[in-house]
Protein backbone atom coordinates (compact mmCIF):
# COMPACT_ATOMS: atom_id res chain seq x y z
CA MET A 1 -27.06 13.19 -41.32
CA PHE A 2 -23.75 11.63 -40.28
CA LEU A 3 -21.86 10.08 -43.22
CA LEU A 4 -18.89 7.71 -43.06
CA PRO A 5 -16.33 7.30 -45.83
CA ARG A 6 -16.99 4.22 -47.97
CA SER A 7 -13.56 2.71 -47.19
CA LEU A 8 -14.28 2.85 -43.46
CA LEU A 9 -17.63 1.10 -43.98
CA LEU A 10 -15.98 -1.65 -46.03
CA ILE A 11 -13.28 -2.22 -43.41
CA GLY A 12 -15.89 -2.38 -40.67
CA ALA A 13 -17.98 -4.89 -42.64
CA GLY A 14 -14.87 -7.03 -43.20
CA VAL A 15 -13.99 -7.04 -39.51
CA LEU A 16 -17.55 -8.01 -38.58
CA GLY A 17 -17.55 -10.82 -41.17
CA VAL A 18 -14.28 -12.28 -39.94
CA SER A 19 -15.44 -12.04 -36.33
CA TYR A 20 -18.63 -13.90 -37.21
CA LEU A 21 -16.78 -16.68 -39.04
CA ILE A 22 -14.33 -17.18 -36.19
CA GLY A 23 -17.17 -17.26 -33.68
CA THR A 24 -19.05 -19.96 -35.62
CA GLY A 25 -15.98 -22.12 -36.20
CA GLN A 26 -16.14 -21.74 -40.00
CA ALA A 27 -12.86 -19.94 -40.59
CA GLY A 28 -10.02 -22.42 -41.02
CA SER A 29 -8.94 -25.14 -38.65
CA GLY A 30 -6.94 -22.98 -36.26
CA PHE A 31 -8.36 -20.50 -33.78
CA GLY A 32 -12.09 -21.00 -33.46
CA GLY A 33 -12.08 -24.31 -35.36
CA PRO A 34 -14.06 -27.35 -34.23
CA GLU A 35 -12.72 -29.27 -31.28
CA PRO A 36 -11.89 -32.94 -31.85
CA CYS A 37 -14.05 -35.60 -30.29
CA THR A 38 -12.83 -38.83 -28.70
CA PHE A 39 -14.54 -42.17 -29.31
CA ARG A 40 -14.05 -45.79 -28.24
CA VAL A 41 -14.39 -48.62 -30.75
CA THR A 42 -17.18 -51.06 -29.81
CA ALA A 43 -16.75 -53.55 -32.69
CA ASP A 44 -14.20 -56.38 -32.55
CA VAL A 45 -12.52 -54.85 -35.62
CA LEU A 46 -13.71 -51.60 -37.21
CA ASN A 47 -12.75 -50.90 -40.81
CA VAL A 48 -11.47 -47.42 -41.55
CA ARG A 49 -12.45 -46.20 -45.02
CA SER A 50 -11.18 -43.54 -47.42
CA GLY A 51 -14.66 -41.97 -47.60
CA PRO A 52 -18.06 -41.98 -45.91
CA SER A 53 -19.34 -45.25 -47.39
CA SER A 54 -18.71 -48.99 -47.08
CA ALA A 55 -18.04 -48.86 -50.84
CA ASN A 56 -14.94 -46.71 -50.25
CA ALA A 57 -11.53 -48.36 -50.01
CA ARG A 58 -10.43 -49.80 -46.67
CA VAL A 59 -7.40 -47.84 -45.46
CA GLY A 60 -6.97 -49.35 -42.00
CA GLU A 61 -8.66 -50.87 -39.00
CA LEU A 62 -9.25 -50.18 -35.32
CA ARG A 63 -9.55 -52.81 -32.58
CA GLN A 64 -12.23 -52.97 -29.89
CA GLY A 65 -11.55 -50.60 -27.00
CA ALA A 66 -9.21 -48.37 -29.02
CA GLU A 67 -9.71 -44.63 -28.56
CA VAL A 68 -9.72 -42.48 -31.67
CA ALA A 69 -9.92 -38.73 -32.20
CA ALA A 70 -12.53 -37.59 -34.70
CA THR A 71 -14.34 -34.50 -35.89
CA PRO A 72 -18.01 -33.67 -35.27
CA ASN A 73 -18.64 -34.25 -39.01
CA VAL A 74 -20.92 -37.25 -39.79
CA VAL A 75 -21.99 -38.14 -43.35
CA GLY A 76 -24.29 -41.05 -44.17
CA GLY A 77 -23.60 -42.85 -40.88
CA PHE A 78 -19.81 -42.44 -41.10
CA ARG A 79 -17.74 -40.19 -38.82
CA ASP A 80 -14.81 -38.19 -40.18
CA LEU A 81 -11.61 -39.24 -38.40
CA GLY A 82 -9.56 -36.69 -40.35
CA ASP A 83 -6.85 -37.27 -42.98
CA ALA A 84 -9.35 -38.92 -45.41
CA ARG A 85 -10.29 -41.58 -42.82
CA TRP A 86 -13.90 -42.49 -42.01
CA ALA A 87 -15.52 -45.07 -39.71
CA ALA A 88 -19.10 -46.25 -39.16
CA THR A 89 -20.67 -44.28 -36.30
CA GLU A 90 -22.65 -47.29 -35.04
CA PHE A 91 -19.37 -48.80 -33.77
CA LEU A 92 -18.03 -45.62 -32.12
CA ALA A 93 -19.14 -44.69 -28.59
CA PRO A 94 -18.25 -41.27 -27.16
CA ALA A 95 -15.46 -41.50 -24.58
CA PRO A 96 -16.36 -40.06 -21.15
CA ASP A 97 -14.31 -36.90 -21.79
CA SER A 98 -15.49 -36.43 -25.42
CA THR A 99 -16.51 -32.96 -26.53
CA CYS A 100 -19.29 -34.18 -28.83
CA GLY A 101 -21.96 -36.85 -28.78
CA PRO A 102 -22.84 -39.74 -31.02
């Protein structure tokens, strides 16, 4: 039977694990991270919140027709705009060149 040294097996398992994480977009926000999405605001004025709930503090607003970059992450009907900014998904329509859907 062919035996490999334990250190070589551990290194190989580590390389495979890192390759898997990069391929699934789970390792960091750099190479292999999720691509941003682009959305257009459909409401007259859309409140931007500090968290994924209307109970969270209002930290800004977006006007109708504005384009905003966001992540694919949606929690409780709110889309993550990054930098602790969230907006209600019902008032965000994917832009024609967006990389993710509603």
